[in-house]
C-alpha atoms as a PDB file:
ATOM      1  CA  MET A   1    -116.018 248.074 -11.942  1.00  0.00           C
ATOM      2  CA  LYS A   2    -114.572 247.047  -8.845  1.00  0.00           C
ATOM      3  CA  LYS A   3    -115.772 244.181  -6.886  1.00  0.00           C
ATOM      4  CA  LYS A   4    -116.669 244.389  -3.218  1.00  0.00           C
ATOM      5  CA  LYS A   5    -116.237 241.360  -0.992  1.00  0.00           C
ATOM      6  CA  VAL A   6    -117.517 241.263   2.602  1.00  0.00           C
ATOM      7  CA  ARG A   7    -114.918 240.297   5.272  1.00  0.00           C
ATOM      8  CA  LYS A   8    -115.340 239.449   8.863  1.00  0.00           C
ATOM      9  CA  PHE A   9    -112.946 240.745  11.485  1.00  0.00           C
ATOM     10  CA  THR A  10    -112.724 240.065  15.280  1.00  0.00           C
ATOM     11  CA  VAL A  11    -112.962 243.308  17.259  1.00  0.00           C
ATOM     12  CA  VAL A  12    -112.583 243.821  20.786  1.00  0.00           C
ATOM     13  CA  PHE A  13    -114.551 246.479  22.777  1.00  0.00           C
ATOM     14  CA  GLU A  14    -113.389 247.740  26.101  1.00  0.00           C
ATOM     15  CA  LYS A  15    -115.214 250.038  28.286  1.00  0.00           C
ATOM     16  CA  ALA A  16    -113.180 253.288  28.514  1.00  0.00           C
ATOM     17  CA  LYS A  17    -112.533 254.776  31.850  1.00  0.00           C
ATOM     18  CA  GLU A  18    -113.783 258.319  31.001  1.00  0.00           C
ATOM     19  CA  GLY A  19    -116.994 256.720  29.311  1.00  0.00           C
ATOM     20  CA  GLY A  20    -117.539 255.306  26.026  1.00  0.00           C
ATOM     21  CA  TYR A  21    -115.848 252.469  24.272  1.00  0.00           C
ATOM     22  CA  VAL A  22    -112.352 251.727  22.685  1.00  0.00           C
ATOM     23  CA  VAL A  23    -112.278 249.146  20.165  1.00  0.00           C
ATOM     24  CA  SER A  24    -109.484 247.366  18.306  1.00  0.00           C
ATOM     25  CA  VAL A  25    -108.860 244.747  15.723  1.00  0.00           C
ATOM     26  CA  PRO A  26    -106.243 242.196  16.886  1.00  0.00           C
ATOM     27  CA  ILE A  27    -105.260 241.037  13.353  1.00  0.00           C
ATOM     28  CA  LEU A  28    -104.736 244.549  12.203  1.00  0.00           C
ATOM     29  CA  PRO A  29    -102.032 245.937  14.336  1.00  0.00           C
ATOM     30  CA  GLY A  30    -102.678 249.670  15.205  1.00  0.00           C
ATOM     31  CA  CYS A  31    -106.349 249.562  14.330  1.00  0.00           C
ATOM     32  CA  VAL A  32    -108.153 251.122  17.025  1.00  0.00           C
ATOM     33  CA  SER A  33    -111.109 253.446  17.224  1.00  0.00           C
ATOM     34  CA  GLN A  34    -113.625 254.574  19.992  1.00  0.00           C
ATOM     35  CA  GLY A  35    -117.150 255.841  20.214  1.00  0.00           C
ATOM     36  CA  GLU A  36    -119.261 257.383  23.144  1.00  0.00           C
ATOM     37  CA  THR A  37    -121.785 254.572  22.581  1.00  0.00           C
ATOM     38  CA  PHE A  38    -121.224 251.030  21.823  1.00  0.00           C
ATOM     39  CA  GLU A  39    -123.191 251.625  18.481  1.00  0.00           C
ATOM     40  CA  GLU A  40    -120.907 254.524  17.461  1.00  0.00           C
ATOM     41  CA  ALA A  41    -117.875 252.685  18.422  1.00  0.00           C
ATOM     42  CA  GLU A  42    -118.940 249.957  16.090  1.00  0.00           C
ATOM     43  CA  ARG A  43    -119.338 252.316  13.340  1.00  0.00           C
ATOM     44  CA  MET A  44    -116.053 254.040  13.878  1.00  0.00           C
ATOM     45  CA  ILE A  45    -114.067 250.826  13.648  1.00  0.00           C
ATOM     46  CA  LYS A  46    -115.929 249.813  10.714  1.00  0.00           C
ATOM     47  CA  ASP A  47    -114.667 252.776   9.066  1.00  0.00           C
ATOM     48  CA  ALA A  48    -111.247 252.346  10.321  1.00  0.00           C
ATOM     49  CA  ILE A  49    -111.054 248.720   8.885  1.00  0.00           C
ATOM     50  CA  LYS A  50    -112.375 249.717   5.787  1.00  0.00           C
ATOM     51  CA  CYS A  51    -109.382 252.535   5.495  1.00  0.00           C
ATOM     52  CA  TYR A  52    -106.885 250.131   6.738  1.00  0.00           C
ATOM     53  CA  CYS A  53    -107.545 247.367   4.174  1.00  0.00           C
ATOM     54  CA  GLU A  54    -107.885 250.237   1.547  1.00  0.00           C
ATOM     55  CA  SER A  55    -104.376 250.979   2.654  1.00  0.00           C
ATOM     56  CA  LEU A  56    -102.957 247.597   2.280  1.00  0.00           C
ATOM     57  CA  ILE A  57    -104.604 247.023  -1.169  1.00  0.00           C
ATOM     58  CA  LYS A  58    -102.916 250.438  -2.222  1.00  0.00           C
ATOM     59  CA  HIS A  59     -99.555 249.227  -1.138  1.00  0.00           C
ATOM     60  CA  ASP A  60    -100.116 245.878  -2.775  1.00  0.00           C
ATOM     61  CA  GLU A  61    -100.106 244.173   0.802  1.00  0.00           C
ATOM     62  CA  PRO A  62    -102.475 241.323   1.600  1.00  0.00           C
ATOM     63  CA  ILE A  63    -105.246 241.587   3.820  1.00  0.00           C
ATOM     64  CA  PRO A  64    -104.826 239.156   6.840  1.00  0.00           C
ATOM     65  CA  LYS A  65    -107.426 236.340   6.921  1.00  0.00           C
ATOM     66  CA  GLU A  66    -109.172 235.608  10.257  1.00  0.00           C
ATOM     67  CA  SER A  67    -108.790 231.967  11.543  1.00  0.00           C
ATOM     68  CA  GLU A  68    -111.646 229.796  12.158  1.00  0.00           C
ATOM     69  CA  GLU A  69    -111.435 230.130  16.018  1.00  0.00           C
ATOM     70  CA  ILE A  70    -114.347 231.119  17.865  1.00  0.00           C
ATOM     71  CA  PHE A  71    -114.187 233.392  20.662  1.00  0.00           C
ATOM     72  CA  GLY A  72    -116.849 233.787  23.474  1.00  0.00           C
ATOM     73  CA  LEU A  73    -117.414 234.096  26.973  1.00  0.00           C
ATOM     74  CA  VAL A  74    -118.605 231.648  29.631  1.00  0.00           C
ATOM     75  CA  ASP A  75    -119.832 231.965  33.048  1.00  0.00           C
ATOM     76  CA  VAL A  76    -118.150 229.826  35.671  1.00  0.00           C
ATOM     77  CA  PRO A  77    -119.178 229.886  39.457  1.00  0.00           C
ATOM     78  CA  ILE A  78    -116.321 230.148  41.613  1.00  0.00           C
ATOM     79  CA  ARG A  79    -116.326 229.940  45.290  1.00  0.00           C
ATOM     80  CA  ILE A  80    -114.214 232.815  46.923  1.00  0.00           C
ATOM     81  CA  SER A  81    -113.369 232.736  50.681  1.00  0.00           C
ATOM     82  CA  ALA A  82    -114.079 236.153  52.209  1.00  0.00           C
END
């Protein structure tokens, strides 16, 4: 029986001009998906990551490991002259 391991991947969601979201995985080049809603885009990218990793395993290539860096957003008030 094959063992399953849960891995975490950083993903980037971007609002698409035509609506919905485009989502990519920086550590997995070319791993991109999209969805009409945030939830659909999240489901789609999870499937894309799984397929990408299965292909790496099939070809005896290592699955890249994420760094321990934490990404986030901060609010910074900036005075802009009119």
